[in-house]
Amino acid sequence: MEIVKPQLKKPPPSANDAAATLPLYCSAPSLEVRLEDFELYAIDRLRVLKGISDGLSRGKETGRNGEISR
């Protein structure tokens, strides 16, 4: 017995699809970041965002500089 998946027809590309393939920079950035450093930056960013989310969920308000007041 052979299982055959139905063939889905892809819709023709729209203007929104074409916009996603455009480069985001006029010229490539000259800075090189190692993958390990990029992962560390991403983890640090997630920790900061989680801290902000936790602080806001506990009812702490943001100060005038956007910092969570204690």
PDB file of N, CA and C in Angstrom:
ATOM      1  N   MET A   1       0.844  -1.176   0.000  1.00  0.00           N
ATOM      2  CA  MET A   1       0.000   0.000   0.000  1.00  0.00           C
ATOM      3  C   MET A   1       0.887   1.235   0.000  1.00  0.00           C
ATOM      4  N   GLU A   2       0.636   2.130  -0.890  1.00  0.00           N
ATOM      5  CA  GLU A   2       1.438   3.343  -1.023  1.00  0.00           C
ATOM      6  C   GLU A   2       0.598   4.546  -0.610  1.00  0.00           C
ATOM      7  N   ILE A   3       1.168   5.374   0.255  1.00  0.00           N
ATOM      8  CA  ILE A   3       0.477   6.589   0.689  1.00  0.00           C
ATOM      9  C   ILE A   3       0.893   7.719  -0.232  1.00  0.00           C
ATOM     10  N   VAL A   4      -0.082   8.366  -0.800  1.00  0.00           N
ATOM     11  CA  VAL A   4       0.186   9.453  -1.730  1.00  0.00           C
ATOM     12  C   VAL A   4      -0.400  10.727  -1.157  1.00  0.00           C
ATOM     13  N   LYS A   5       0.445  11.736  -1.020  1.00  0.00           N
ATOM     14  CA  LYS A   5      -0.034  13.028  -0.525  1.00  0.00           C
ATOM     15  C   LYS A   5      -0.707  13.779  -1.658  1.00  0.00           C
ATOM     16  N   PRO A   6      -1.770  14.487  -1.351  1.00  0.00           N
ATOM     17  CA  PRO A   6      -2.416  15.274  -2.410  1.00  0.00           C
ATOM     18  C   PRO A   6      -1.485  16.386  -2.882  1.00  0.00           C
ATOM     19  N   GLN A   7      -1.500  16.627  -4.143  1.00  0.00           N
ATOM     20  CA  GLN A   7      -0.674  17.680  -4.726  1.00  0.00           C
ATOM     21  C   GLN A   7      -1.374  19.016  -4.546  1.00  0.00           C
ATOM     22  N   LEU A   8      -0.774  19.889  -3.786  1.00  0.00           N
ATOM     23  CA  LEU A   8      -1.342  21.213  -3.566  1.00  0.00           C
ATOM     24  C   LEU A   8      -0.825  22.160  -4.634  1.00  0.00           C
ATOM     25  N   LYS A   9      -1.724  22.910  -5.189  1.00  0.00           N
ATOM     26  CA  LYS A   9      -1.322  23.896  -6.185  1.00  0.00           C
ATOM     27  C   LYS A   9      -0.883  25.158  -5.469  1.00  0.00           C
ATOM     28  N   LYS A  10       0.277  25.658  -5.835  1.00  0.00           N
ATOM     29  CA  LYS A  10       0.784  26.887  -5.237  1.00  0.00           C
ATOM     30  C   LYS A  10       0.132  28.075  -5.924  1.00  0.00           C
ATOM     31  N   PRO A  11      -0.303  29.048  -5.133  1.00  0.00           N
ATOM     32  CA  PRO A  11      -0.877  30.242  -5.759  1.00  0.00           C
ATOM     33  C   PRO A  11       0.221  31.031  -6.466  1.00  0.00           C
ATOM     34  N   PRO A  12      -0.143  31.789  -7.477  1.00  0.00           N
ATOM     35  CA  PRO A  12       0.876  32.588  -8.164  1.00  0.00           C
ATOM     36  C   PRO A  12       1.487  33.603  -7.209  1.00  0.00           C
ATOM     37  N   PRO A  13       2.772  33.917  -7.378  1.00  0.00           N
ATOM     38  CA  PRO A  13       3.416  34.870  -6.470  1.00  0.00           C
ATOM     39  C   PRO A  13       2.739  36.231  -6.536  1.00  0.00           C
ATOM     40  N   SER A  14       2.590  36.827  -5.369  1.00  0.00           N
ATOM     41  CA  SER A  14       1.966  38.147  -5.296  1.00  0.00           C
ATOM     42  C   SER A  14       3.035  39.201  -5.032  1.00  0.00           C
ATOM     43  N   ALA A  15       2.618  40.449  -4.955  1.00  0.00           N
ATOM     44  CA  ALA A  15       3.551  41.552  -4.694  1.00  0.00           C
ATOM     45  C   ALA A  15       4.160  41.426  -3.306  1.00  0.00           C
ATOM     46  N   ASN A  16       3.412  40.889  -2.339  1.00  0.00           N
ATOM     47  CA  ASN A  16       3.930  40.726  -0.977  1.00  0.00           C
ATOM     48  C   ASN A  16       5.055  39.699  -0.941  1.00  0.00           C
ATOM     49  N   ASP A  17       4.952  38.652  -1.750  1.00  0.00           N
ATOM     50  CA  ASP A  17       6.008  37.647  -1.794  1.00  0.00           C
ATOM     51  C   ASP A  17       7.289  38.228  -2.368  1.00  0.00           C
ATOM     52  N   ALA A  18       7.170  39.073  -3.352  1.00  0.00           N
ATOM     53  CA  ALA A  18       8.344  39.672  -3.973  1.00  0.00           C
ATOM     54  C   ALA A  18       9.048  40.619  -3.010  1.00  0.00           C
ATOM     55  N   ALA A  19       8.289  41.300  -2.164  1.00  0.00           N
ATOM     56  CA  ALA A  19       8.882  42.238  -1.219  1.00  0.00           C
ATOM     57  C   ALA A  19       9.731  41.513  -0.186  1.00  0.00           C
ATOM     58  N   ALA A  20       9.404  40.277   0.134  1.00  0.00           N
ATOM     59  CA  ALA A  20      10.151  39.528   1.135  1.00  0.00           C
ATOM     60  C   ALA A  20      11.538  39.138   0.635  1.00  0.00           C
ATOM     61  N   THR A  21      11.744  39.122  -0.656  1.00  0.00           N
ATOM     62  CA  THR A  21      13.043  38.720  -1.184  1.00  0.00           C
ATOM     63  C   THR A  21      13.979  39.904  -1.408  1.00  0.00           C
ATOM     64  N   LEU A  22      13.516  41.108  -1.150  1.00  0.00           N
ATOM     65  CA  LEU A  22      14.365  42.282  -1.333  1.00  0.00           C
ATOM     66  C   LEU A  22      15.416  42.347  -0.236  1.00  0.00           C
ATOM     67  N   PRO A  23      16.634  42.781  -0.551  1.00  0.00           N
ATOM     68  CA  PRO A  23      17.650  42.922   0.491  1.00  0.00           C
ATOM     69  C   PRO A  23      17.273  44.040   1.461  1.00  0.00           C
ATOM     70  N   LEU A  24      17.665  43.877   2.709  1.00  0.00           N
ATOM     71  CA  LEU A  24      17.330  44.855   3.735  1.00  0.00           C
ATOM     72  C   LEU A  24      18.370  45.954   3.854  1.00  0.00           C
ATOM     73  N   TYR A  25      19.530  45.788   3.244  1.00  0.00           N
ATOM     74  CA  TYR A  25      20.599  46.771   3.336  1.00  0.00           C
ATOM     75  C   TYR A  25      20.938  47.293   1.947  1.00  0.00           C
ATOM     76  N   CYS A  26      21.335  48.565   1.878  1.00  0.00           N
ATOM     77  CA  CYS A  26      21.841  49.105   0.603  1.00  0.00           C
ATOM     78  C   CYS A  26      23.180  48.466   0.275  1.00  0.00           C
ATOM     79  N   SER A  27      23.997  48.274   1.303  1.00  0.00           N
ATOM     80  CA  SER A  27      25.262  47.563   1.150  1.00  0.00           C
ATOM     81  C   SER A  27      25.418  46.633   2.346  1.00  0.00           C
ATOM     82  N   ALA A  28      26.153  45.574   2.158  1.00  0.00           N
ATOM     83  CA  ALA A  28      26.311  44.578   3.214  1.00  0.00           C
ATOM     84  C   ALA A  28      27.068  45.170   4.396  1.00  0.00           C
ATOM     85  N   PRO A  29      26.678  44.834   5.634  1.00  0.00           N
ATOM     86  CA  PRO A  29      27.411  45.323   6.806  1.00  0.00           C
ATOM     87  C   PRO A  29      28.841  44.783   6.806  1.00  0.00           C
ATOM     88  N   SER A  30      29.774  45.606   7.261  1.00  0.00           N
ATOM     89  CA  SER A  30      31.180  45.191   7.265  1.00  0.00           C
ATOM     90  C   SER A  30      31.535  44.402   8.521  1.00  0.00           C
ATOM     91  N   LEU A  31      30.674  44.414   9.516  1.00  0.00           N
ATOM     92  CA  LEU A  31      30.936  43.723  10.770  1.00  0.00           C
ATOM     93  C   LEU A  31      30.686  42.231  10.619  1.00  0.00           C
ATOM     94  N   GLU A  32      31.615  41.438  11.110  1.00  0.00           N
ATOM     95  CA  GLU A  32      31.428  39.991  11.111  1.00  0.00           C
ATOM     96  C   GLU A  32      31.207  39.547  12.544  1.00  0.00           C
ATOM     97  N   VAL A  33      30.197  38.728  12.756  1.00  0.00           N
ATOM     98  CA  VAL A  33      29.879  38.215  14.081  1.00  0.00           C
ATOM     99  C   VAL A  33      29.928  36.697  14.006  1.00  0.00           C
ATOM    100  N   ARG A  34      30.676  36.116  14.936  1.00  0.00           N
ATOM    101  CA  ARG A  34      30.731  34.655  14.975  1.00  0.00           C
ATOM    102  C   ARG A  34      29.377  34.113  15.407  1.00  0.00           C
ATOM    103  N   LEU A  35      29.050  32.918  14.979  1.00  0.00           N
ATOM    104  CA  LEU A  35      27.771  32.306  15.313  1.00  0.00           C
ATOM    105  C   LEU A  35      27.607  32.170  16.821  1.00  0.00           C
ATOM    106  N   GLU A  36      28.676  31.823  17.526  1.00  0.00           N
ATOM    107  CA  GLU A  36      28.608  31.675  18.979  1.00  0.00           C
ATOM    108  C   GLU A  36      28.251  33.001  19.643  1.00  0.00           C
ATOM    109  N   ASP A  37      28.860  34.095  19.173  1.00  0.00           N
ATOM    110  CA  ASP A  37      28.548  35.415  19.725  1.00  0.00           C
ATOM    111  C   ASP A  37      27.103  35.801  19.423  1.00  0.00           C
ATOM    112  N   PHE A  38      26.651  35.515  18.211  1.00  0.00           N
ATOM    113  CA  PHE A  38      25.281  35.833  17.829  1.00  0.00           C
ATOM    114  C   PHE A  38      24.296  35.080  18.718  1.00  0.00           C
ATOM    115  N   GLU A  39      24.588  33.813  19.005  1.00  0.00           N
ATOM    116  CA  GLU A  39      23.723  33.024  19.879  1.00  0.00           C
ATOM    117  C   GLU A  39      23.706  33.600  21.290  1.00  0.00           C
ATOM    118  N   LEU A  40      24.875  34.039  21.786  1.00  0.00           N
ATOM    119  CA  LEU A  40      24.930  34.640  23.122  1.00  0.00           C
ATOM    120  C   LEU A  40      24.130  35.936  23.176  1.00  0.00           C
ATOM    121  N   TYR A  41      24.241  36.760  22.132  1.00  0.00           N
ATOM    122  CA  TYR A  41      23.451  37.995  22.075  1.00  0.00           C
ATOM    123  C   TYR A  41      21.960  37.676  22.078  1.00  0.00           C
ATOM    124  N   ALA A  42      21.579  36.648  21.341  1.00  0.00           N
ATOM    125  CA  ALA A  42      20.166  36.274  21.271  1.00  0.00           C
ATOM    126  C   ALA A  42      19.663  35.792  22.626  1.00  0.00           C
ATOM    127  N   ILE A  43      20.467  34.997  23.325  1.00  0.00           N
ATOM    128  CA  ILE A  43      20.071  34.501  24.645  1.00  0.00           C
ATOM    129  C   ILE A  43      19.973  35.650  25.635  1.00  0.00           C
ATOM    130  N   ASP A  44      20.948  36.568  25.611  1.00  0.00           N
ATOM    131  CA  ASP A  44      20.898  37.735  26.496  1.00  0.00           C
ATOM    132  C   ASP A  44      19.660  38.579  26.218  1.00  0.00           C
ATOM    133  N   ARG A  45      19.338  38.753  24.951  1.00  0.00           N
ATOM    134  CA  ARG A  45      18.160  39.543  24.572  1.00  0.00           C
ATOM    135  C   ARG A  45      16.887  38.879  25.098  1.00  0.00           C
ATOM    136  N   LEU A  46      16.803  37.549  24.980  1.00  0.00           N
ATOM    137  CA  LEU A  46      15.630  36.841  25.491  1.00  0.00           C
ATOM    138  C   LEU A  46      15.511  36.985  27.002  1.00  0.00           C
ATOM    139  N   ARG A  47      16.646  36.956  27.704  1.00  0.00           N
ATOM    140  CA  ARG A  47      16.611  37.127  29.162  1.00  0.00           C
ATOM    141  C   ARG A  47      16.108  38.513  29.541  1.00  0.00           C
ATOM    142  N   VAL A  48      16.564  39.535  28.826  1.00  0.00           N
ATOM    143  CA  VAL A  48      16.109  40.903  29.096  1.00  0.00           C
ATOM    144  C   VAL A  48      14.615  41.019  28.829  1.00  0.00           C
ATOM    145  N   LEU A  49      14.168  40.495  27.694  1.00  0.00           N
ATOM    146  CA  LEU A  49      12.748  40.572  27.363  1.00  0.00           C
ATOM    147  C   LEU A  49      11.898  39.804  28.368  1.00  0.00           C
ATOM    148  N   LYS A  50      12.384  38.654  28.846  1.00  0.00           N
ATOM    149  CA  LYS A  50      11.646  37.896  29.857  1.00  0.00           C
ATOM    150  C   LYS A  50      11.586  38.668  31.160  1.00  0.00           C
ATOM    151  N   GLY A  51      12.680  39.318  31.534  1.00  0.00           N
ATOM    152  CA  GLY A  51      12.674  40.130  32.747  1.00  0.00           C
ATOM    153  C   GLY A  51      11.682  41.270  32.656  1.00  0.00           C
ATOM    154  N   ILE A  52      11.622  41.913  31.511  1.00  0.00           N
ATOM    155  CA  ILE A  52      10.658  42.998  31.312  1.00  0.00           C
ATOM    156  C   ILE A  52       9.241  42.451  31.385  1.00  0.00           C
ATOM    157  N   SER A  53       8.998  41.337  30.717  1.00  0.00           N
ATOM    158  CA  SER A  53       7.670  40.731  30.718  1.00  0.00           C
ATOM    159  C   SER A  53       7.259  40.319  32.127  1.00  0.00           C
ATOM    160  N   ASP A  54       8.186  39.707  32.870  1.00  0.00           N
ATOM    161  CA  ASP A  54       7.880  39.300  34.242  1.00  0.00           C
ATOM    162  C   ASP A  54       7.592  40.508  35.119  1.00  0.00           C
ATOM    163  N   GLY A  55       8.379  41.569  34.955  1.00  0.00           N
ATOM    164  CA  GLY A  55       8.161  42.773  35.745  1.00  0.00           C
ATOM    165  C   GLY A  55       6.817  43.409  35.452  1.00  0.00           C
ATOM    166  N   LEU A  56       6.456  43.472  34.196  1.00  0.00           N
ATOM    167  CA  LEU A  56       5.172  44.064  33.827  1.00  0.00           C
ATOM    168  C   LEU A  56       4.008  43.201  34.293  1.00  0.00           C
ATOM    169  N   SER A  57       4.182  41.876  34.282  1.00  0.00           N
ATOM    170  CA  SER A  57       3.096  41.002  34.725  1.00  0.00           C
ATOM    171  C   SER A  57       2.898  41.083  36.236  1.00  0.00           C
ATOM    172  N   ARG A  58       3.933  41.502  36.980  1.00  0.00           N
ATOM    173  CA  ARG A  58       3.803  41.688  38.426  1.00  0.00           C
ATOM    174  C   ARG A  58       3.246  43.054  38.778  1.00  0.00           C
ATOM    175  N   GLY A  59       2.942  43.843  37.763  1.00  0.00           N
ATOM    176  CA  GLY A  59       2.329  45.141  38.010  1.00  0.00           C
ATOM    177  C   GLY A  59       3.314  46.275  38.156  1.00  0.00           C
ATOM    178  N   LYS A  60       4.579  46.050  37.840  1.00  0.00           N
ATOM    179  CA  LYS A  60       5.549  47.134  37.936  1.00  0.00           C
ATOM    180  C   LYS A  60       5.374  48.058  36.746  1.00  0.00           C
ATOM    181  N   GLU A  61       5.480  49.336  36.991  1.00  0.00           N
ATOM    182  CA  GLU A  61       5.307  50.313  35.924  1.00  0.00           C
ATOM    183  C   GLU A  61       6.660  50.705  35.353  1.00  0.00           C
ATOM    184  N   THR A  62       6.637  51.186  34.127  1.00  0.00           N
ATOM    185  CA  THR A  62       7.876  51.646  33.517  1.00  0.00           C
ATOM    186  C   THR A  62       8.125  53.088  33.915  1.00  0.00           C
ATOM    187  N   GLY A  63       9.388  53.413  34.128  1.00  0.00           N
ATOM    188  CA  GLY A  63       9.772  54.783  34.458  1.00  0.00           C
ATOM    189  C   GLY A  63       9.871  55.620  33.205  1.00  0.00           C
ATOM    190  N   ARG A  64      10.342  56.868  33.358  1.00  0.00           N
ATOM    191  CA  ARG A  64      10.377  57.726  32.172  1.00  0.00           C
ATOM    192  C   ARG A  64      11.431  57.307  31.176  1.00  0.00           C
ATOM    193  N   ASN A  65      12.457  56.579  31.575  1.00  0.00           N
ATOM    194  CA  ASN A  65      13.480  56.112  30.636  1.00  0.00           C
ATOM    195  C   ASN A  65      13.158  54.727  30.086  1.00  0.00           C
ATOM    196  N   GLY A  66      11.963  54.222  30.365  1.00  0.00           N
ATOM    197  CA  GLY A  66      11.583  52.908  29.873  1.00  0.00           C
ATOM    198  C   GLY A  66      12.057  51.777  30.758  1.00  0.00           C
ATOM    199  N   GLU A  67      12.717  52.117  31.887  1.00  0.00           N
ATOM    200  CA  GLU A  67      13.185  51.085  32.794  1.00  0.00           C
ATOM    201  C   GLU A  67      12.047  50.693  33.725  1.00  0.00           C
ATOM    202  N   ILE A  68      12.045  49.434  34.114  1.00  0.00           N
ATOM    203  CA  ILE A  68      11.018  48.979  35.046  1.00  0.00           C
ATOM    204  C   ILE A  68      11.402  49.455  36.431  1.00  0.00           C
ATOM    205  N   SER A  69      10.519  50.231  37.048  1.00  0.00           N
ATOM    206  CA  SER A  69      10.796  50.736  38.389  1.00  0.00           C
ATOM    207  C   SER A  69      10.488  49.644  39.402  1.00  0.00           C
ATOM    208  N   ARG A  70      11.272  49.617  40.458  1.00  0.00           N
ATOM    209  CA  ARG A  70      11.121  48.554  41.464  1.00  0.00           C
ATOM    210  C   ARG A  70      10.228  48.970  42.580  1.00  0.00           C
TER     211      ARG A  70
END
